[in-house]
Amino acid sequence: MGKVHGSLARAGKVRGQTPKVAKQDKKKKPRGRAHKRMQYNRRFVTAGNLLSLLLVSMS
């Protein structure tokens, strides 16, 4: 049998000590076509605006 790092008596020690935090309600994320649209806007539309502003300020 292979060697184990540390004794199995301490298994789950950190998780057991961590205080329980209740899950927070989050807004639902768009799915399908709406998600793709959001990605496109994030990657190309707003990023493109920032890039053009950067290029204008450099010249």
N, C-alpha and C. Protein backbone atom coordinates (compact mmCIF):
# COMPACT_ATOMS: atom_id res chain seq x y z
N MET A 1 0.84 -1.18 0.00
CA MET A 1 0.00 0.00 0.00
C MET A 1 0.88 1.24 0.00
N GLY A 2 0.45 2.31 -0.68
CA GLY A 2 1.24 3.52 -0.78
C GLY A 2 1.24 4.32 0.51
N LYS A 3 2.17 5.26 0.57
CA LYS A 3 2.28 6.10 1.76
C LYS A 3 1.23 7.22 1.70
N VAL A 4 0.82 7.68 2.87
CA VAL A 4 -0.18 8.74 2.96
C VAL A 4 0.48 9.95 3.63
N HIS A 5 0.20 11.14 3.13
CA HIS A 5 0.74 12.35 3.76
C HIS A 5 -0.09 12.68 4.98
N GLY A 6 0.48 12.55 6.15
CA GLY A 6 -0.23 12.84 7.39
C GLY A 6 -1.15 11.69 7.77
N SER A 7 -1.60 11.72 9.02
CA SER A 7 -2.46 10.63 9.47
C SER A 7 -3.90 10.88 9.05
N LEU A 8 -4.65 9.80 8.89
CA LEU A 8 -6.04 9.93 8.48
C LEU A 8 -6.92 10.47 9.60
N ALA A 9 -6.37 10.53 10.82
CA ALA A 9 -7.14 11.06 11.95
C ALA A 9 -7.40 12.56 11.76
N ARG A 10 -6.52 13.23 11.00
CA ARG A 10 -6.68 14.68 10.81
C ARG A 10 -7.45 15.02 9.54
N ALA A 11 -8.01 14.03 8.88
CA ALA A 11 -8.71 14.28 7.61
C ALA A 11 -9.92 15.17 7.86
N GLY A 12 -10.06 16.21 7.05
CA GLY A 12 -11.21 17.12 7.16
C GLY A 12 -11.09 18.14 8.27
N LYS A 13 -9.89 18.32 8.82
CA LYS A 13 -9.69 19.24 9.95
C LYS A 13 -10.04 20.68 9.58
N VAL A 14 -9.49 21.17 8.48
CA VAL A 14 -9.68 22.57 8.10
C VAL A 14 -11.13 22.84 7.73
N ARG A 15 -11.72 21.93 6.97
CA ARG A 15 -13.12 22.13 6.56
C ARG A 15 -14.04 22.14 7.78
N GLY A 16 -13.72 21.31 8.76
CA GLY A 16 -14.53 21.27 9.97
C GLY A 16 -14.42 22.54 10.78
N GLN A 17 -13.25 23.19 10.75
CA GLN A 17 -13.03 24.41 11.53
C GLN A 17 -13.61 25.65 10.86
N THR A 18 -13.81 25.58 9.54
CA THR A 18 -14.26 26.75 8.79
C THR A 18 -15.71 27.07 9.15
N PRO A 19 -16.00 28.35 9.49
CA PRO A 19 -17.37 28.69 9.84
C PRO A 19 -18.30 28.57 8.63
N LYS A 20 -19.53 28.13 8.88
CA LYS A 20 -20.50 27.95 7.81
C LYS A 20 -21.06 29.31 7.41
N VAL A 21 -21.01 29.60 6.12
CA VAL A 21 -21.55 30.85 5.61
C VAL A 21 -22.71 30.49 4.68
N ALA A 22 -23.86 31.09 4.92
CA ALA A 22 -25.05 30.78 4.11
C ALA A 22 -24.86 31.27 2.69
N LYS A 23 -25.41 30.52 1.72
CA LYS A 23 -25.30 30.91 0.31
C LYS A 23 -26.13 32.16 0.08
N GLN A 24 -25.60 33.04 -0.79
CA GLN A 24 -26.31 34.28 -1.10
C GLN A 24 -27.14 34.10 -2.36
N ASP A 25 -28.26 34.79 -2.41
CA ASP A 25 -29.09 34.77 -3.61
C ASP A 25 -28.42 35.60 -4.68
N LYS A 26 -28.25 35.03 -5.87
CA LYS A 26 -27.61 35.75 -6.97
C LYS A 26 -28.58 35.88 -8.12
N LYS A 27 -28.35 36.90 -8.95
CA LYS A 27 -29.16 37.08 -10.13
C LYS A 27 -28.85 35.96 -11.11
N LYS A 28 -29.88 35.46 -11.81
CA LYS A 28 -29.61 34.37 -12.75
C LYS A 28 -28.85 34.90 -13.95
N LYS A 29 -27.89 34.10 -14.43
CA LYS A 29 -27.09 34.50 -15.59
C LYS A 29 -27.83 34.13 -16.86
N PRO A 30 -27.67 34.95 -17.91
CA PRO A 30 -28.33 34.61 -19.17
C PRO A 30 -27.78 33.31 -19.75
N ARG A 31 -28.64 32.56 -20.44
CA ARG A 31 -28.21 31.30 -21.04
C ARG A 31 -28.38 31.35 -22.55
N GLY A 32 -27.68 30.48 -23.23
CA GLY A 32 -27.85 30.34 -24.68
C GLY A 32 -27.47 31.57 -25.46
N ARG A 33 -28.39 32.03 -26.32
CA ARG A 33 -28.13 33.16 -27.22
C ARG A 33 -27.80 34.42 -26.42
N ALA A 34 -28.51 34.64 -25.34
CA ALA A 34 -28.30 35.84 -24.53
C ALA A 34 -26.91 35.85 -23.92
N HIS A 35 -26.43 34.67 -23.51
CA HIS A 35 -25.09 34.57 -22.93
C HIS A 35 -24.02 34.88 -23.99
N LYS A 36 -24.21 34.35 -25.20
CA LYS A 36 -23.27 34.61 -26.29
C LYS A 36 -23.23 36.10 -26.59
N ARG A 37 -24.39 36.74 -26.57
CA ARG A 37 -24.47 38.18 -26.84
C ARG A 37 -23.69 38.97 -25.79
N MET A 38 -23.84 38.57 -24.54
CA MET A 38 -23.13 39.23 -23.44
C MET A 38 -21.62 39.07 -23.61
N GLN A 39 -21.18 37.85 -23.97
CA GLN A 39 -19.76 37.59 -24.18
C GLN A 39 -19.21 38.45 -25.31
N TYR A 40 -19.95 38.52 -26.41
CA TYR A 40 -19.52 39.31 -27.57
C TYR A 40 -19.36 40.77 -27.18
N ASN A 41 -20.35 41.29 -26.47
CA ASN A 41 -20.28 42.69 -26.04
C ASN A 41 -19.09 42.92 -25.12
N ARG A 42 -18.84 42.00 -24.21
CA ARG A 42 -17.74 42.15 -23.28
C ARG A 42 -16.39 42.09 -24.00
N ARG A 43 -16.27 41.13 -24.93
CA ARG A 43 -14.97 40.89 -25.56
C ARG A 43 -14.64 41.86 -26.68
N PHE A 44 -15.63 42.23 -27.49
CA PHE A 44 -15.33 43.00 -28.69
C PHE A 44 -15.83 44.43 -28.65
N VAL A 45 -17.02 44.66 -28.15
CA VAL A 45 -17.61 46.00 -28.22
C VAL A 45 -16.94 46.92 -27.21
N THR A 46 -17.01 46.60 -25.90
CA THR A 46 -16.44 47.49 -24.90
C THR A 46 -14.91 47.47 -24.96
N ALA A 47 -14.32 46.30 -25.19
CA ALA A 47 -12.86 46.21 -25.28
C ALA A 47 -12.37 47.00 -26.49
N GLY A 48 -13.12 46.98 -27.58
CA GLY A 48 -12.76 47.74 -28.78
C GLY A 48 -12.78 49.23 -28.51
N ASN A 49 -13.76 49.68 -27.72
CA ASN A 49 -13.84 51.10 -27.36
C ASN A 49 -12.63 51.51 -26.55
N LEU A 50 -12.23 50.67 -25.61
CA LEU A 50 -11.07 50.98 -24.78
C LEU A 50 -9.80 51.03 -25.62
N LEU A 51 -9.67 50.08 -26.55
CA LEU A 51 -8.49 50.02 -27.41
C LEU A 51 -8.40 51.26 -28.29
N SER A 52 -9.53 51.67 -28.87
CA SER A 52 -9.51 52.85 -29.74
C SER A 52 -9.18 54.10 -28.93
N LEU A 53 -9.67 54.19 -27.70
CA LEU A 53 -9.35 55.34 -26.84
C LEU A 53 -7.86 55.36 -26.53
N LEU A 54 -7.30 54.19 -26.30
CA LEU A 54 -5.87 54.09 -26.00
C LEU A 54 -5.04 54.54 -27.20
N LEU A 55 -5.42 54.08 -28.39
CA LEU A 55 -4.68 54.42 -29.60
C LEU A 55 -4.78 55.92 -29.91
N VAL A 56 -5.94 56.52 -29.67
CA VAL A 56 -6.13 57.95 -29.92
C VAL A 56 -5.27 58.76 -28.96
N SER A 57 -5.23 58.35 -27.70
CA SER A 57 -4.46 59.11 -26.72
C SER A 57 -2.95 59.01 -26.97
N MET A 58 -2.49 57.92 -27.60
CA MET A 58 -1.07 57.75 -27.87
C MET A 58 -0.60 58.61 -29.04
N SER A 59 -1.49 58.89 -30.00
CA SER A 59 -1.07 59.64 -31.18
C SER A 59 -1.23 61.14 -31.00
